[in-house]
Amino acid sequence: MALAAALGVAFIEGDKLHPPENVARMASGEPLTDQLREGWLNAIGERIAESVGSGQGVIAACSALKRSYRDRLSSFCPEIVFLYLEIDPATARQRVGSRKGHFMPASLVDSQFAILEPPVAEERALTLDATRPVGELVAGAVRLIRRS
């Protein structure tokens, strides 16, 4: 959200687009399958395409963990640029565990790292060290986005 504000663009919170069934599964500690993520990724992609189609820049926050997920999102907006927030599992577990009122338990962090496919050189992705303070991440992301 801070990055969208810094760039003056719309913000899409991907977690709000999960269908209730996905939220219930994750809340009970069950990781999502690729099939369960399809509709969610489509909903995010559609929102991105709507914003871009109306001339509005947009930042979407979501866990596009696999290349196939990023390819699906790119099918809605070929000029999409991904920000890969690189973080270690222990720090991610701590952060997820400290969130208040979120449906995903910290116990699911390991399942996400198990399927993680970091972006490769030919993808349109920029990597940031997610252990840095939010202000530094936003400033770094703004610089990288404006250069790309």
C-alpha atoms as a PDB file:
ATOM      1  CA  MET A   1       0.000   0.000   0.000  1.00  0.00           C
ATOM      2  CA  ALA A   2       2.869   2.368   0.815  1.00  0.00           C
ATOM      3  CA  LEU A   3       4.408   1.778  -2.619  1.00  0.00           C
ATOM      4  CA  ALA A   4       1.125   2.512  -4.400  1.00  0.00           C
ATOM      5  CA  ALA A   5       0.793   5.739  -2.412  1.00  0.00           C
ATOM      6  CA  ALA A   6       4.374   6.757  -3.248  1.00  0.00           C
ATOM      7  CA  LEU A   7       3.725   6.180  -6.951  1.00  0.00           C
ATOM      8  CA  GLY A   8       0.221   7.687  -6.914  1.00  0.00           C
ATOM      9  CA  VAL A   9      -1.394   4.544  -8.318  1.00  0.00           C
ATOM     10  CA  ALA A  10      -4.227   2.200  -7.371  1.00  0.00           C
ATOM     11  CA  PHE A  11      -3.659  -0.617  -4.882  1.00  0.00           C
ATOM     12  CA  ILE A  12      -5.047  -4.148  -5.054  1.00  0.00           C
ATOM     13  CA  GLU A  13      -4.783  -6.290  -1.915  1.00  0.00           C
ATOM     14  CA  GLY A  14      -4.673  -9.816  -3.292  1.00  0.00           C
ATOM     15  CA  ASP A  15      -5.632 -11.421   0.015  1.00  0.00           C
ATOM     16  CA  LYS A  16      -9.033  -9.706  -0.182  1.00  0.00           C
ATOM     17  CA  LEU A  17      -9.743 -11.479  -3.473  1.00  0.00           C
ATOM     18  CA  HIS A  18      -9.456 -15.045  -2.141  1.00  0.00           C
ATOM     19  CA  PRO A  19     -12.782 -16.863  -2.283  1.00  0.00           C
ATOM     20  CA  PRO A  20     -14.222 -17.772   1.140  1.00  0.00           C
ATOM     21  CA  GLU A  21     -13.344 -21.449   0.587  1.00  0.00           C
ATOM     22  CA  ASN A  22      -9.656 -20.597   0.174  1.00  0.00           C
ATOM     23  CA  VAL A  23      -9.697 -18.397   3.266  1.00  0.00           C
ATOM     24  CA  ALA A  24     -11.309 -21.198   5.299  1.00  0.00           C
ATOM     25  CA  ARG A  25      -8.733 -23.725   4.084  1.00  0.00           C
ATOM     26  CA  MET A  26      -5.801 -21.493   4.942  1.00  0.00           C
ATOM     27  CA  ALA A  27      -7.302 -20.487   8.298  1.00  0.00           C
ATOM     28  CA  SER A  28      -7.490 -24.192   9.181  1.00  0.00           C
ATOM     29  CA  GLY A  29      -3.807 -24.623   8.247  1.00  0.00           C
ATOM     30  CA  GLU A  30      -4.335 -26.242   4.836  1.00  0.00           C
ATOM     31  CA  PRO A  31      -2.075 -24.942   2.044  1.00  0.00           C
ATOM     32  CA  LEU A  32      -3.672 -24.065  -1.268  1.00  0.00           C
ATOM     33  CA  THR A  33      -3.067 -26.148  -4.368  1.00  0.00           C
ATOM     34  CA  ASP A  34      -2.309 -24.695  -7.777  1.00  0.00           C
ATOM     35  CA  GLN A  35      -5.895 -25.454  -8.797  1.00  0.00           C
ATOM     36  CA  LEU A  36      -7.312 -23.584  -5.785  1.00  0.00           C
ATOM     37  CA  ARG A  37      -5.150 -20.567  -6.626  1.00  0.00           C
ATOM     38  CA  GLU A  38      -6.309 -20.324 -10.273  1.00  0.00           C
ATOM     39  CA  GLY A  39      -9.503 -18.349  -9.660  1.00  0.00           C
ATOM     40  CA  TRP A  40      -7.732 -16.111  -7.171  1.00  0.00           C
ATOM     41  CA  LEU A  41      -4.931 -15.327  -9.627  1.00  0.00           C
ATOM     42  CA  ASN A  42      -7.521 -14.669 -12.333  1.00  0.00           C
ATOM     43  CA  ALA A  43      -9.354 -12.219 -10.056  1.00  0.00           C
ATOM     44  CA  ILE A  44      -6.109 -10.344  -9.392  1.00  0.00           C
ATOM     45  CA  GLY A  45      -5.182 -10.382 -13.085  1.00  0.00           C
ATOM     46  CA  GLU A  46      -8.617  -9.056 -14.058  1.00  0.00           C
ATOM     47  CA  ARG A  47      -8.339  -6.191 -11.566  1.00  0.00           C
ATOM     48  CA  ILE A  48      -4.858  -5.331 -12.845  1.00  0.00           C
ATOM     49  CA  ALA A  49      -6.105  -5.380 -16.446  1.00  0.00           C
ATOM     50  CA  GLU A  50      -9.092  -3.167 -15.552  1.00  0.00           C
ATOM     51  CA  SER A  51      -6.848  -0.570 -13.938  1.00  0.00           C
ATOM     52  CA  VAL A  52      -4.308  -0.568 -16.738  1.00  0.00           C
ATOM     53  CA  GLY A  53      -7.090  -0.549 -19.349  1.00  0.00           C
ATOM     54  CA  SER A  54      -8.559   2.586 -17.795  1.00  0.00           C
ATOM     55  CA  GLY A  55      -5.162   4.311 -17.858  1.00  0.00           C
ATOM     56  CA  GLN A  56      -4.518   3.910 -14.127  1.00  0.00           C
ATOM     57  CA  GLY A  57      -1.242   2.543 -12.834  1.00  0.00           C
ATOM     58  CA  VAL A  58      -1.598  -0.177 -10.234  1.00  0.00           C
ATOM     59  CA  ILE A  59       0.306  -2.106  -7.582  1.00  0.00           C
ATOM     60  CA  ALA A  60      -1.062  -5.521  -6.596  1.00  0.00           C
ATOM     61  CA  ALA A  61       0.120  -7.353  -3.486  1.00  0.00           C
ATOM     62  CA  CYS A  62       0.000 -11.135  -3.776  1.00  0.00           C
ATOM     63  CA  SER A  63       2.147 -14.205  -3.395  1.00  0.00           C
ATOM     64  CA  ALA A  64       3.001 -15.083  -6.981  1.00  0.00           C
ATOM     65  CA  LEU A  65       5.199 -17.888  -5.706  1.00  0.00           C
ATOM     66  CA  LYS A  66       5.668 -19.846  -8.923  1.00  0.00           C
ATOM     67  CA  ARG A  67       6.624 -18.956 -12.449  1.00  0.00           C
ATOM     68  CA  SER A  68       3.278 -20.350 -13.628  1.00  0.00           C
ATOM     69  CA  TYR A  69       1.461 -17.924 -11.303  1.00  0.00           C
ATOM     70  CA  ARG A  70       3.452 -14.989 -12.657  1.00  0.00           C
ATOM     71  CA  ASP A  71       2.830 -16.189 -16.223  1.00  0.00           C
ATOM     72  CA  ARG A  72      -0.914 -16.303 -15.473  1.00  0.00           C
ATOM     73  CA  LEU A  73      -0.838 -12.723 -14.159  1.00  0.00           C
ATOM     74  CA  SER A  74       1.251 -11.631 -17.152  1.00  0.00           C
ATOM     75  CA  SER A  75      -1.409 -13.031 -19.477  1.00  0.00           C
ATOM     76  CA  PHE A  76      -3.727 -10.275 -18.207  1.00  0.00           C
ATOM     77  CA  CYS A  77      -1.108  -7.542 -18.516  1.00  0.00           C
ATOM     78  CA  PRO A  78       1.994  -8.366 -20.591  1.00  0.00           C
ATOM     79  CA  GLU A  79       3.876  -5.278 -19.360  1.00  0.00           C
ATOM     80  CA  ILE A  80       3.536  -6.288 -15.707  1.00  0.00           C
ATOM     81  CA  VAL A  81       6.666  -5.977 -13.568  1.00  0.00           C
ATOM     82  CA  PHE A  82       7.020  -8.149 -10.472  1.00  0.00           C
ATOM     83  CA  LEU A  83       8.695  -7.111  -7.258  1.00  0.00           C
ATOM     84  CA  TYR A  84      10.225 -10.130  -5.576  1.00  0.00           C
ATOM     85  CA  LEU A  85      10.550  -9.438  -1.869  1.00  0.00           C
ATOM     86  CA  GLU A  86      13.326 -11.811  -0.918  1.00  0.00           C
ATOM     87  CA  ILE A  87      13.144 -13.012   2.696  1.00  0.00           C
ATOM     88  CA  ASP A  88      14.245 -16.016   4.716  1.00  0.00           C
ATOM     89  CA  PRO A  89      11.695 -18.494   6.131  1.00  0.00           C
ATOM     90  CA  ALA A  90      12.391 -17.675   9.795  1.00  0.00           C
ATOM     91  CA  THR A  91      11.789 -13.938   9.321  1.00  0.00           C
ATOM     92  CA  ALA A  92       8.669 -14.650   7.245  1.00  0.00           C
ATOM     93  CA  ARG A  93       7.282 -16.971   9.971  1.00  0.00           C
ATOM     94  CA  GLN A  94       7.904 -14.307  12.605  1.00  0.00           C
ATOM     95  CA  ARG A  95       6.185 -11.597  10.562  1.00  0.00           C
ATOM     96  CA  VAL A  96       3.200 -13.742   9.623  1.00  0.00           C
ATOM     97  CA  GLY A  97       2.864 -14.874  13.241  1.00  0.00           C
ATOM     98  CA  SER A  98       2.762 -11.278  14.480  1.00  0.00           C
ATOM     99  CA  ARG A  99      -0.041 -10.180  12.137  1.00  0.00           C
ATOM    100  CA  LYS A 100      -3.316  -9.457  13.885  1.00  0.00           C
ATOM    101  CA  GLY A 101      -6.605 -10.571  12.363  1.00  0.00           C
ATOM    102  CA  HIS A 102      -5.174 -12.281   9.288  1.00  0.00           C
ATOM    103  CA  PHE A 103      -6.517 -15.654   8.183  1.00  0.00           C
ATOM    104  CA  MET A 104      -3.191 -17.261   7.253  1.00  0.00           C
ATOM    105  CA  PRO A 105      -1.353 -18.896  10.158  1.00  0.00           C
ATOM    106  CA  ALA A 106       2.438 -18.869  10.397  1.00  0.00           C
ATOM    107  CA  SER A 107       2.332 -22.676  10.054  1.00  0.00           C
ATOM    108  CA  LEU A 108       1.706 -22.225   6.313  1.00  0.00           C
ATOM    109  CA  VAL A 109       4.903 -20.263   5.672  1.00  0.00           C
ATOM    110  CA  ASP A 110       6.973 -23.419   5.181  1.00  0.00           C
ATOM    111  CA  SER A 111       4.503 -24.721   2.563  1.00  0.00           C
ATOM    112  CA  GLN A 112       4.931 -21.482   0.638  1.00  0.00           C
ATOM    113  CA  PHE A 113       8.720 -21.715   0.691  1.00  0.00           C
ATOM    114  CA  ALA A 114       8.442 -25.368  -0.397  1.00  0.00           C
ATOM    115  CA  ILE A 115       6.837 -24.312  -3.709  1.00  0.00           C
ATOM    116  CA  LEU A 116       8.674 -20.991  -4.147  1.00  0.00           C
ATOM    117  CA  GLU A 117      10.275 -20.452  -7.553  1.00  0.00           C
ATOM    118  CA  PRO A 118      12.187 -17.170  -7.386  1.00  0.00           C
ATOM    119  CA  PRO A 119      12.041 -15.150 -10.587  1.00  0.00           C
ATOM    120  CA  VAL A 120      14.702 -15.868 -13.179  1.00  0.00           C
ATOM    121  CA  ALA A 121      16.575 -13.456 -15.423  1.00  0.00           C
ATOM    122  CA  GLU A 122      14.150 -13.551 -18.360  1.00  0.00           C
ATOM    123  CA  GLU A 123      11.174 -12.606 -16.189  1.00  0.00           C
ATOM    124  CA  ARG A 124      10.251  -8.973 -15.693  1.00  0.00           C
ATOM    125  CA  ALA A 125      11.085  -9.008 -11.977  1.00  0.00           C
ATOM    126  CA  LEU A 126      12.958  -6.751  -9.625  1.00  0.00           C
ATOM    127  CA  THR A 127      14.379  -8.191  -6.400  1.00  0.00           C
ATOM    128  CA  LEU A 128      14.372  -6.355  -3.080  1.00  0.00           C
ATOM    129  CA  ASP A 129      15.695  -7.419   0.323  1.00  0.00           C
ATOM    130  CA  ALA A 130      12.474  -7.712   2.339  1.00  0.00           C
ATOM    131  CA  THR A 131      14.343  -7.553   5.644  1.00  0.00           C
ATOM    132  CA  ARG A 132      14.944  -3.832   5.063  1.00  0.00           C
ATOM    133  CA  PRO A 133      12.637  -1.257   6.718  1.00  0.00           C
ATOM    134  CA  VAL A 134       9.457  -0.464   4.787  1.00  0.00           C
ATOM    135  CA  GLY A 135      10.569   3.079   3.966  1.00  0.00           C
ATOM    136  CA  GLU A 136      13.791   1.783   2.398  1.00  0.00           C
ATOM    137  CA  LEU A 137      11.874  -0.878   0.458  1.00  0.00           C
ATOM    138  CA  VAL A 138       9.460   1.692  -0.928  1.00  0.00           C
ATOM    139  CA  ALA A 139      12.254   4.075  -1.922  1.00  0.00           C
ATOM    140  CA  GLY A 140      14.211   1.244  -3.542  1.00  0.00           C
ATOM    141  CA  ALA A 141      11.146  -0.054  -5.371  1.00  0.00           C
ATOM    142  CA  VAL A 142      10.290   3.420  -6.677  1.00  0.00           C
ATOM    143  CA  ARG A 143      13.841   3.792  -8.023  1.00  0.00           C
ATOM    144  CA  LEU A 144      13.794   0.360  -9.671  1.00  0.00           C
ATOM    145  CA  ILE A 145      10.326   0.826 -11.177  1.00  0.00           C
ATOM    146  CA  ARG A 146      11.151   4.235 -12.615  1.00  0.00           C
ATOM    147  CA  ARG A 147      14.323   2.796 -14.188  1.00  0.00           C
ATOM    148  CA  SER A 148      12.561  -0.196 -15.749  1.00  0.00           C
END
